[in-house]
Each structure stands twice: as C-alpha cells, then as structure tokens.
Amino acid sequence: MTQISKKTPPQITKNRIYFSKETERRVFFYMTLIMLAAGIISKLF
C-alpha cells in the first residue's frame, strides 16, 4: 500500500533545511541501498 500525500517543499530557516518525515525516510532508504550495493561490489572485487 502506498499513500499519496501532498508534496511540500523543504523549509529553509537560518541556513538549515527542514524536510518532511517521508522525504527523510526515503533519502535514508536509498542511501542504505546504495551503501549495501557498494559493500557487495567491494567484496566481489
């Protein structure tokens, strides 16, 4: 099941960028997949 939610732009306040919880989770999920793939590739070669 996927939920369709409104896309809100990141808020910028005093040189800091605030993302929604959904965006943060998605970024860390993809970063984890990239690190997993990099680890597997480095073990193979």
PDB file of N, CA and C in Angstrom:
ATOM      1  N   MET A   1       0.833  -1.187   0.000  1.00  0.00           N
ATOM      2  CA  MET A   1       0.000   0.000   0.000  1.00  0.00           C
ATOM      3  C   MET A   1       0.874   1.246   0.000  1.00  0.00           C
ATOM      4  N   THR A   2       0.549   2.159  -0.836  1.00  0.00           N
ATOM      5  CA  THR A   2       1.257   3.428  -0.824  1.00  0.00           C
ATOM      6  C   THR A   2       0.264   4.538  -0.550  1.00  0.00           C
ATOM      7  N   GLN A   3       0.712   5.508   0.182  1.00  0.00           N
ATOM      8  CA  GLN A   3      -0.140   6.642   0.481  1.00  0.00           C
ATOM      9  C   GLN A   3       0.289   7.810  -0.386  1.00  0.00           C
ATOM     10  N   ILE A   4      -0.672   8.475  -0.947  1.00  0.00           N
ATOM     11  CA  ILE A   4      -0.383   9.649  -1.752  1.00  0.00           C
ATOM     12  C   ILE A   4      -0.550  10.860  -0.842  1.00  0.00           C
ATOM     13  N   SER A   5       0.513  11.588  -0.665  1.00  0.00           N
ATOM     14  CA  SER A   5       0.457  12.757   0.198  1.00  0.00           C
ATOM     15  C   SER A   5       0.872  13.990  -0.586  1.00  0.00           C
ATOM     16  N   LYS A   6       0.548  15.129  -0.038  1.00  0.00           N
ATOM     17  CA  LYS A   6       0.931  16.380  -0.681  1.00  0.00           C
ATOM     18  C   LYS A   6       2.434  16.560  -0.563  1.00  0.00           C
ATOM     19  N   LYS A   7       3.039  16.980  -1.647  1.00  0.00           N
ATOM     20  CA  LYS A   7       4.475  17.247  -1.642  1.00  0.00           C
ATOM     21  C   LYS A   7       4.682  18.665  -1.118  1.00  0.00           C
ATOM     22  N   THR A   8       5.432  18.762  -0.030  1.00  0.00           N
ATOM     23  CA  THR A   8       5.741  20.079   0.495  1.00  0.00           C
ATOM     24  C   THR A   8       7.204  20.372   0.250  1.00  0.00           C
ATOM     25  N   PRO A   9       7.524  21.557  -0.200  1.00  0.00           N
ATOM     26  CA  PRO A   9       8.931  21.889  -0.439  1.00  0.00           C
ATOM     27  C   PRO A   9       9.680  21.968   0.885  1.00  0.00           C
ATOM     28  N   PRO A  10      10.992  21.724   0.859  1.00  0.00           N
ATOM     29  CA  PRO A  10      11.756  21.837   2.102  1.00  0.00           C
ATOM     30  C   PRO A  10      11.746  23.263   2.619  1.00  0.00           C
ATOM     31  N   GLN A  11      11.672  23.397   3.920  1.00  0.00           N
ATOM     32  CA  GLN A  11      11.673  24.724   4.534  1.00  0.00           C
ATOM     33  C   GLN A  11      13.096  25.117   4.884  1.00  0.00           C
ATOM     34  N   ILE A  12      13.464  26.321   4.541  1.00  0.00           N
ATOM     35  CA  ILE A  12      14.807  26.812   4.834  1.00  0.00           C
ATOM     36  C   ILE A  12      14.686  27.904   5.888  1.00  0.00           C
ATOM     37  N   THR A  13      15.339  27.671   7.033  1.00  0.00           N
ATOM     38  CA  THR A  13      15.297  28.626   8.124  1.00  0.00           C
ATOM     39  C   THR A  13      16.685  28.766   8.722  1.00  0.00           C
ATOM     40  N   LYS A  14      17.219  29.953   8.720  1.00  0.00           N
ATOM     41  CA  LYS A  14      18.525  30.240   9.327  1.00  0.00           C
ATOM     42  C   LYS A  14      19.599  29.243   8.894  1.00  0.00           C
ATOM     43  N   ASN A  15      19.776  29.111   7.584  1.00  0.00           N
ATOM     44  CA  ASN A  15      20.803  28.240   6.996  1.00  0.00           C
ATOM     45  C   ASN A  15      20.596  26.763   7.307  1.00  0.00           C
ATOM     46  N   ARG A  16      19.402  26.357   7.663  1.00  0.00           N
ATOM     47  CA  ARG A  16      19.086  24.943   7.881  1.00  0.00           C
ATOM     48  C   ARG A  16      17.916  24.565   6.985  1.00  0.00           C
ATOM     49  N   ILE A  17      17.958  23.330   6.497  1.00  0.00           N
ATOM     50  CA  ILE A  17      16.895  22.850   5.617  1.00  0.00           C
ATOM     51  C   ILE A  17      16.114  21.782   6.372  1.00  0.00           C
ATOM     52  N   TYR A  18      14.809  21.952   6.459  1.00  0.00           N
ATOM     53  CA  TYR A  18      13.944  21.000   7.143  1.00  0.00           C
ATOM     54  C   TYR A  18      13.104  20.255   6.115  1.00  0.00           C
ATOM     55  N   PHE A  19      13.186  18.917   6.131  1.00  0.00           N
ATOM     56  CA  PHE A  19      12.420  18.082   5.223  1.00  0.00           C
ATOM     57  C   PHE A  19      11.280  17.418   5.981  1.00  0.00           C
ATOM     58  N   SER A  20      10.289  16.932   5.243  1.00  0.00           N
ATOM     59  CA  SER A  20       9.213  16.182   5.873  1.00  0.00           C
ATOM     60  C   SER A  20       9.740  14.810   6.286  1.00  0.00           C
ATOM     61  N   LYS A  21       9.018  14.167   7.166  1.00  0.00           N
ATOM     62  CA  LYS A  21       9.436  12.848   7.657  1.00  0.00           C
ATOM     63  C   LYS A  21       9.491  11.840   6.516  1.00  0.00           C
ATOM     64  N   GLU A  22       8.546  11.930   5.589  1.00  0.00           N
ATOM     65  CA  GLU A  22       8.502  10.999   4.459  1.00  0.00           C
ATOM     66  C   GLU A  22       9.730  11.172   3.562  1.00  0.00           C
ATOM     67  N   THR A  23      10.110  12.407   3.301  1.00  0.00           N
ATOM     68  CA  THR A  23      11.280  12.675   2.461  1.00  0.00           C
ATOM     69  C   THR A  23      12.541  12.173   3.137  1.00  0.00           C
ATOM     70  N   GLU A  24      12.667  12.414   4.425  1.00  0.00           N
ATOM     71  CA  GLU A  24      13.847  11.954   5.165  1.00  0.00           C
ATOM     72  C   GLU A  24      13.954  10.436   5.135  1.00  0.00           C
ATOM     73  N   ARG A  25      12.839   9.743   5.339  1.00  0.00           N
ATOM     74  CA  ARG A  25      12.853   8.278   5.311  1.00  0.00           C
ATOM     75  C   ARG A  25      13.245   7.758   3.938  1.00  0.00           C
ATOM     76  N   ARG A  26      12.737   8.407   2.882  1.00  0.00           N
ATOM     77  CA  ARG A  26      13.050   7.973   1.524  1.00  0.00           C
ATOM     78  C   ARG A  26      14.538   8.169   1.227  1.00  0.00           C
ATOM     79  N   VAL A  27      15.109   9.298   1.640  1.00  0.00           N
ATOM     80  CA  VAL A  27      16.525   9.574   1.401  1.00  0.00           C
ATOM     81  C   VAL A  27      17.385   8.533   2.116  1.00  0.00           C
ATOM     82  N   PHE A  28      17.096   8.260   3.392  1.00  0.00           N
ATOM     83  CA  PHE A  28      17.910   7.292   4.127  1.00  0.00           C
ATOM     84  C   PHE A  28      17.729   5.872   3.588  1.00  0.00           C
ATOM     85  N   PHE A  29      16.539   5.546   3.066  1.00  0.00           N
ATOM     86  CA  PHE A  29      16.320   4.229   2.474  1.00  0.00           C
ATOM     87  C   PHE A  29      17.202   4.047   1.246  1.00  0.00           C
ATOM     88  N   TYR A  30      17.222   5.067   0.364  1.00  0.00           N
ATOM     89  CA  TYR A  30      18.050   4.960  -0.830  1.00  0.00           C
ATOM     90  C   TYR A  30      19.534   4.978  -0.493  1.00  0.00           C
ATOM     91  N   MET A  31      19.929   5.755   0.508  1.00  0.00           N
ATOM     92  CA  MET A  31      21.333   5.760   0.928  1.00  0.00           C
ATOM     93  C   MET A  31      21.744   4.382   1.438  1.00  0.00           C
ATOM     94  N   THR A  32      20.841   3.727   2.165  1.00  0.00           N
ATOM     95  CA  THR A  32      21.134   2.384   2.670  1.00  0.00           C
ATOM     96  C   THR A  32      21.302   1.399   1.528  1.00  0.00           C
ATOM     97  N   LEU A  33      20.437   1.484   0.514  1.00  0.00           N
ATOM     98  CA  LEU A  33      20.563   0.591  -0.636  1.00  0.00           C
ATOM     99  C   LEU A  33      21.870   0.828  -1.382  1.00  0.00           C
ATOM    100  N   ILE A  34      22.250   2.096  -1.533  1.00  0.00           N
ATOM    101  CA  ILE A  34      23.495   2.416  -2.222  1.00  0.00           C
ATOM    102  C   ILE A  34      24.691   1.869  -1.446  1.00  0.00           C
ATOM    103  N   MET A  35      24.690   2.032  -0.123  1.00  0.00           N
ATOM    104  CA  MET A  35      25.806   1.523   0.687  1.00  0.00           C
ATOM    105  C   MET A  35      25.854  -0.010   0.657  1.00  0.00           C
ATOM    106  N   LEU A  36      24.682  -0.652   0.637  1.00  0.00           N
ATOM    107  CA  LEU A  36      24.635  -2.111   0.553  1.00  0.00           C
ATOM    108  C   LEU A  36      25.230  -2.579  -0.777  1.00  0.00           C
ATOM    109  N   ALA A  37      24.826  -1.934  -1.868  1.00  0.00           N
ATOM    110  CA  ALA A  37      25.352  -2.299  -3.183  1.00  0.00           C
ATOM    111  C   ALA A  37      26.854  -2.050  -3.260  1.00  0.00           C
ATOM    112  N   ALA A  38      27.315  -0.929  -2.695  1.00  0.00           N
ATOM    113  CA  ALA A  38      28.751  -0.625  -2.713  1.00  0.00           C
ATOM    114  C   ALA A  38      29.527  -1.661  -1.905  1.00  0.00           C
ATOM    115  N   GLY A  39      28.982  -2.107  -0.785  1.00  0.00           N
ATOM    116  CA  GLY A  39      29.633  -3.121   0.022  1.00  0.00           C
ATOM    117  C   GLY A  39      29.732  -4.454  -0.711  1.00  0.00           C
ATOM    118  N   ILE A  40      28.658  -4.830  -1.394  1.00  0.00           N
ATOM    119  CA  ILE A  40      28.667  -6.087  -2.140  1.00  0.00           C
ATOM    120  C   ILE A  40      29.671  -6.018  -3.293  1.00  0.00           C
ATOM    121  N   ILE A  41      29.683  -4.909  -4.001  1.00  0.00           N
ATOM    122  CA  ILE A  41      30.611  -4.747  -5.122  1.00  0.00           C
ATOM    123  C   ILE A  41      32.064  -4.757  -4.636  1.00  0.00           C
ATOM    124  N   SER A  42      32.322  -4.099  -3.501  1.00  0.00           N
ATOM    125  CA  SER A  42      33.706  -4.076  -3.000  1.00  0.00           C
ATOM    126  C   SER A  42      34.156  -5.450  -2.527  1.00  0.00           C
ATOM    127  N   LYS A  43      33.232  -6.279  -2.050  1.00  0.00           N
ATOM    128  CA  LYS A  43      33.592  -7.644  -1.645  1.00  0.00           C
ATOM    129  C   LYS A  43      33.893  -8.525  -2.839  1.00  0.00           C
ATOM    130  N   LEU A  44      33.234  -8.258  -3.962  1.00  0.00           N
ATOM    131  CA  LEU A  44      33.428  -9.086  -5.155  1.00  0.00           C
ATOM    132  C   LEU A  44      34.752  -8.796  -5.841  1.00  0.00           C
ATOM    133  N   PHE A  45      35.260  -7.574  -5.743  1.00  0.00           N
ATOM    134  CA  PHE A  45      36.477  -7.212  -6.470  1.00  0.00           C
ATOM    135  C   PHE A  45      37.642  -6.985  -5.568  1.00  0.00           C
TER     136      PHE A  45
END
